[in-house]
Structures are given as C-alpha cells and as structure tokens.
Protein backbone atom coordinates (compact mmCIF):
# COMPACT_ATOMS: atom_id res chain seq x y z
CA UNK A 1 -48.29 8.74 2.52
CA UNK A 2 -49.31 6.72 5.55
CA UNK A 3 -48.40 8.32 8.88
CA UNK A 4 -47.65 6.71 12.19
CA UNK A 5 -49.33 9.03 14.65
CA UNK A 6 -49.25 7.09 17.89
CA UNK A 7 -48.64 9.90 20.36
CA UNK A 8 -51.79 11.85 19.55
CA UNK A 9 -54.02 8.82 19.96
CA UNK A 10 -52.80 8.09 23.49
CA UNK A 11 -52.90 4.38 22.69
CA UNK A 12 -51.78 1.68 25.09
CA UNK A 13 -48.50 -0.12 24.35
CA UNK A 14 -50.17 -3.23 22.91
CA UNK A 15 -52.32 -1.13 20.58
CA UNK A 16 -49.24 0.81 19.49
CA UNK A 17 -47.45 -2.43 18.66
CA UNK A 18 -50.36 -3.77 16.64
CA UNK A 19 -50.69 -0.48 14.73
CA UNK A 20 -46.96 -0.38 14.04
CA UNK A 21 -47.03 -4.01 12.87
CA UNK A 22 -49.88 -3.21 10.46
CA UNK A 23 -48.07 -0.15 9.09
CA UNK A 24 -44.84 -2.10 8.59
CA UNK A 25 -46.73 -4.89 6.80
CA UNK A 26 -48.48 -2.28 4.66
CA UNK A 27 -45.07 -0.89 3.69
CA UNK A 28 -43.91 -4.38 2.67
CA UNK A 29 -41.71 -4.94 5.73
CA UNK A 30 -41.84 -7.94 8.03
CA UNK A 31 -42.62 -6.64 11.53
CA UNK A 32 -39.71 -8.12 13.44
CA UNK A 33 -39.37 -7.39 17.15
CA UNK A 34 -36.51 -4.94 16.51
CA UNK A 35 -38.29 -3.12 13.67
CA UNK A 36 -41.43 -2.72 15.78
CA UNK A 37 -39.46 -1.44 18.78
CA UNK A 38 -37.47 1.04 16.68
CA UNK A 39 -40.63 2.23 14.86
CA UNK A 40 -42.38 2.82 18.17
CA UNK A 41 -39.45 4.94 19.36
CA UNK A 42 -39.16 6.79 16.04
CA UNK A 43 -42.79 7.66 15.47
CA UNK A 44 -44.24 8.08 18.96
CA UNK A 45 -43.39 11.79 19.33
CA UNK A 46 -44.65 13.23 16.05
CA UNK A 47 -42.41 14.53 13.28
CA UNK A 48 -38.72 14.70 14.04
CA UNK A 49 -35.21 14.40 12.64
CA UNK A 50 -32.83 11.85 14.10
CA UNK A 51 -29.47 10.30 13.31
CA UNK A 52 -28.79 6.58 13.53
CA UNK A 53 -26.61 7.24 16.56
CA UNK A 54 -29.39 9.23 18.22
CA UNK A 55 -31.92 6.47 17.63
CA UNK A 56 -29.45 3.90 18.93
CA UNK A 57 -29.03 5.93 22.14
CA UNK A 58 -32.81 6.16 22.55
CA UNK A 59 -33.13 2.42 21.97
CA UNK A 60 -30.58 1.77 24.71
CA UNK A 61 -32.49 4.13 27.04
CA UNK A 62 -35.68 2.17 26.30
CA UNK A 63 -33.77 -1.09 26.89
CA UNK A 64 -34.16 -2.25 23.30
CA UNK A 65 -31.18 -4.55 22.66
CA UNK A 66 -30.10 -3.55 19.17
CA UNK A 67 -26.75 -2.91 17.51
CA UNK A 68 -25.88 0.32 15.75
CA UNK A 69 -25.58 -1.66 12.49
CA UNK A 70 -29.15 -2.92 12.91
CA UNK A 71 -30.35 0.63 13.54
CA UNK A 72 -28.66 1.80 10.31
CA UNK A 73 -30.13 -1.12 8.35
CA UNK A 74 -33.60 -0.53 9.78
CA UNK A 75 -33.51 3.21 9.03
CA UNK A 76 -32.50 2.50 5.43
CA UNK A 77 -35.23 -0.14 5.10
CA UNK A 78 -37.82 2.32 6.47
CA UNK A 79 -36.56 4.95 4.01
CA UNK A 80 -36.78 2.56 1.04
CA UNK A 81 -40.32 1.63 2.14
CA UNK A 82 -41.33 5.32 2.21
CA UNK A 83 -41.76 5.59 5.98
CA UNK A 84 -38.80 7.96 6.40
CA UNK A 85 -36.96 10.55 4.36
CA UNK A 86 -33.18 10.66 4.40
CA UNK A 87 -31.60 14.10 4.79
CA UNK A 88 -27.89 14.12 3.95
CA UNK A 89 -26.33 17.28 5.34
CA UNK A 90 -22.86 16.46 4.08
CA UNK A 91 -20.77 13.36 3.56
CA UNK A 92 -20.60 12.58 7.26
CA UNK A 93 -23.98 13.74 8.62
CA UNK A 94 -27.19 11.96 7.72
CA UNK A 95 -30.50 12.41 9.47
CA UNK A 96 -33.80 10.62 9.03
CA UNK A 97 -37.01 12.63 8.88
CA UNK A 98 -40.36 11.16 9.92
CA UNK A 99 -42.09 13.82 7.80
CA UNK A 100 -42.03 12.39 4.28
CA UNK A 101 -43.96 15.28 2.70
CA UNK A 102 -42.08 17.59 0.30
CA UNK A 103 -40.29 20.21 2.36
CA UNK A 104 -36.84 21.68 2.94
CA UNK A 105 -34.58 22.11 5.96
CA UNK A 106 -32.48 24.47 8.01
CA UNK A 107 -29.29 22.93 9.41
CA UNK A 108 -28.09 24.72 12.52
CA UNK A 109 -24.31 24.48 12.55
CA UNK A 110 -22.68 23.98 15.92
CA UNK A 111 -25.82 22.31 17.21
CA UNK A 112 -26.05 19.64 14.49
CA UNK A 113 -29.79 20.18 14.44
CA UNK A 114 -32.26 20.05 11.55
CA UNK A 115 -35.44 22.15 11.46
CA UNK A 116 -38.17 22.05 8.82
CA UNK A 117 -38.58 25.13 6.63
CA UNK A 118 -42.27 25.99 6.36
CA UNK A 119 -43.61 25.00 2.94
CA UNK A 120 -44.70 28.58 2.21
CA UNK A 121 -41.23 29.87 3.14
CA UNK A 122 -39.45 28.80 -0.04
CA UNK A 123 -40.18 28.46 -3.73
CA UNK A 124 -38.02 26.53 -6.15
CA UNK A 125 -38.22 27.83 -9.71
CA UNK A 126 -36.39 27.50 -13.02
CA UNK A 127 -34.99 24.05 -12.47
CA UNK A 128 -32.68 22.80 -15.21
CA UNK A 129 -33.90 20.25 -17.71
CA UNK A 130 -32.85 16.77 -16.63
CA UNK A 131 -30.51 14.84 -18.88
CA UNK A 132 -32.22 12.65 -21.50
CA UNK A 133 -33.90 9.58 -20.06
CA UNK A 134 -34.00 11.05 -16.54
CA UNK A 135 -36.61 12.91 -14.51
CA UNK A 136 -36.36 15.06 -11.40
CA UNK A 137 -37.44 12.95 -8.44
CA UNK A 138 -37.13 15.55 -5.70
CA UNK A 139 -35.34 18.78 -4.87
CA UNK A 140 -33.74 18.98 -1.43
CA UNK A 141 -32.61 22.33 -0.12
CA UNK A 142 -30.64 22.64 3.10
CA UNK A 143 -30.06 26.17 4.36
CA UNK A 144 -27.20 26.28 6.84
CA UNK A 145 -27.59 28.59 9.82
CA UNK A 146 -25.20 29.66 12.55
CA UNK A 147 -25.61 31.87 15.58
CA UNK A 148 -25.19 35.52 14.69
CA UNK A 149 -22.18 37.28 16.18
CA UNK A 150 -23.17 39.79 18.86
C-alpha cells in the first residue's frame, strides 16, 4: 500500500502538495483543492486515528474552508481508494486510520481514543467458514479499555 509520509521528509509546502496530488491521482482520485488540503492535514503527522469531526476542526484551524459533509465524503472516498481504513467502534463512533496495514485496535472508553494493538500482540485463529460464495475480507478486533478503579 502506498504511504503518504510527508512529515519525515521535511518537504516544503509546494512539494507536499505535488506529492499529495500524485498520490491522489495514483489512487484514482482527482486532486481537488479540498482533497489536497485535507490529505495534507491527515497524513502530515504519521499514522493516526481521527474522526470526521476532528478533521473538520483541524481544517478550520488551518483555515481550510470545508463543510463537515465534504470532510465525511472525502474520508469515505479516501477509504474506498485504499488510502484510509475505517474503524467503526459502534453505531455512532467511526474513526479513520491512516495505517492501512492489517492490525487491531484498543478503544479507550471515556477518552474516545483509538490506539493500535501491536501486530505481535494478538493472534486470530479458528475463524468460521464463510457462507457459500463469500470470503473473509478482513477481521477487525476492537478491545475496549477503561481506567482501572483505584
């Protein structure tokens, strides 16, 4: 999977934009001004988990004029193109993960925070046979954590 690793390169803003445009084109997406701006915000700090609302807030902080609906649409387009991975915690909480490799997550209740589980920290075995005509695409495990009582 292609990675957007802009922070580690220390690239200037114009180089970042041209790299992001190339990556979006490579993923089959037209590099519109809003997509480029949101991708720069999303991928400039390495791997992370973010909600649409969180990205919208960051966009406003960076003075990127974009509606929350456009942020949702862009995140779903990036996910369909393989640039993001959607992590649904429950029916009302969805996060987007810039790390698209196979891995699982901790969800820290009360903080509404997602943390990657190290790949070596969990093994999934004895999966059921899929129903006829279907295949297992991916297994997502979310382990919910809460602060221990003193």
